[in-house]
Amino acid sequence: MLIWKLKETDLSIYSEKELKKVQRELNERPRKVLNGYSPAQVFNRMIIQQIK
């Protein structure tokens, strides 16, 4: 499974669909620094708090 690529990788060789898949995988992956939450979860909570 493609999780990440080195900074020097030419991303133009990948389709938009493949890049979106990697983006989703990275944003849904829990992070220790976020107390086990994923960046997507933290972002969604921040948006909900802004709406209230």
C-alpha atoms as a PDB file:
ATOM      1  CA  MET A   1       0.000   0.000   0.000  1.00  0.00           C
ATOM      2  CA  LEU A   2       1.306   3.387  -0.977  1.00  0.00           C
ATOM      3  CA  ILE A   3       1.440   5.540   2.145  1.00  0.00           C
ATOM      4  CA  TRP A   4       4.037   8.198   1.342  1.00  0.00           C
ATOM      5  CA  LYS A   5       6.802   9.033  -1.084  1.00  0.00           C
ATOM      6  CA  LEU A   6      10.080  10.833  -0.702  1.00  0.00           C
ATOM      7  CA  LYS A   7      10.080  14.583  -1.219  1.00  0.00           C
ATOM      8  CA  GLU A   8      12.145  14.190  -4.384  1.00  0.00           C
ATOM      9  CA  THR A   9       9.548  11.969  -6.059  1.00  0.00           C
ATOM     10  CA  ASP A  10       7.997  13.302  -9.254  1.00  0.00           C
ATOM     11  CA  LEU A  11       4.298  13.226  -8.421  1.00  0.00           C
ATOM     12  CA  SER A  12       3.297  14.012 -12.007  1.00  0.00           C
ATOM     13  CA  ILE A  13       3.664  10.326 -12.862  1.00  0.00           C
ATOM     14  CA  TYR A  14       0.712   9.472 -10.600  1.00  0.00           C
ATOM     15  CA  SER A  15      -2.930   9.933 -11.475  1.00  0.00           C
ATOM     16  CA  GLU A  16      -5.146  12.277  -9.500  1.00  0.00           C
ATOM     17  CA  LYS A  17      -7.039   9.229  -8.235  1.00  0.00           C
ATOM     18  CA  GLU A  18      -3.835   7.692  -6.842  1.00  0.00           C
ATOM     19  CA  LEU A  19      -2.812  10.966  -5.179  1.00  0.00           C
ATOM     20  CA  LYS A  20      -6.261  11.382  -3.623  1.00  0.00           C
ATOM     21  CA  LYS A  21      -5.979   7.850  -2.206  1.00  0.00           C
ATOM     22  CA  VAL A  22      -2.654   8.691  -0.565  1.00  0.00           C
ATOM     23  CA  GLN A  23      -4.075  11.972   0.716  1.00  0.00           C
ATOM     24  CA  ARG A  24      -7.021  10.151   2.284  1.00  0.00           C
ATOM     25  CA  GLU A  25      -4.752   7.492   3.833  1.00  0.00           C
ATOM     26  CA  LEU A  26      -2.510  10.119   5.399  1.00  0.00           C
ATOM     27  CA  ASN A  27      -5.389  12.233   6.707  1.00  0.00           C
ATOM     28  CA  GLU A  28      -7.221   9.255   8.206  1.00  0.00           C
ATOM     29  CA  ARG A  29      -4.171   7.765   9.918  1.00  0.00           C
ATOM     30  CA  PRO A  30      -4.145   8.250  13.716  1.00  0.00           C
ATOM     31  CA  ARG A  31      -1.216  10.281  15.079  1.00  0.00           C
ATOM     32  CA  LYS A  32       0.420  10.013  18.463  1.00  0.00           C
ATOM     33  CA  VAL A  33       0.917  13.768  18.537  1.00  0.00           C
ATOM     34  CA  LEU A  34      -2.861  14.178  18.129  1.00  0.00           C
ATOM     35  CA  ASN A  35      -3.602  11.816  21.046  1.00  0.00           C
ATOM     36  CA  GLY A  36      -4.578   8.977  18.726  1.00  0.00           C
ATOM     37  CA  TYR A  37      -6.862  11.066  16.550  1.00  0.00           C
ATOM     38  CA  SER A  38      -6.370  11.448  12.827  1.00  0.00           C
ATOM     39  CA  PRO A  39      -5.779  14.846  11.213  1.00  0.00           C
ATOM     40  CA  ALA A  40      -9.193  14.502   9.560  1.00  0.00           C
ATOM     41  CA  GLN A  41     -10.890  13.985  12.932  1.00  0.00           C
ATOM     42  CA  VAL A  42      -9.129  16.984  14.454  1.00  0.00           C
ATOM     43  CA  PHE A  43      -9.990  19.164  11.459  1.00  0.00           C
ATOM     44  CA  ASN A  44     -13.652  18.126  11.559  1.00  0.00           C
ATOM     45  CA  ARG A  45     -13.870  18.886  15.287  1.00  0.00           C
ATOM     46  CA  MET A  46     -12.345  22.317  14.709  1.00  0.00           C
ATOM     47  CA  ILE A  47     -14.896  23.070  11.982  1.00  0.00           C
ATOM     48  CA  ILE A  48     -17.800  21.965  14.178  1.00  0.00           C
ATOM     49  CA  GLN A  49     -16.558  24.180  17.010  1.00  0.00           C
ATOM     50  CA  GLN A  50     -16.379  27.155  14.629  1.00  0.00           C
ATOM     51  CA  ILE A  51     -19.994  26.591  13.558  1.00  0.00           C
ATOM     52  CA  LYS A  52     -21.354  26.517  17.131  1.00  0.00           C
END
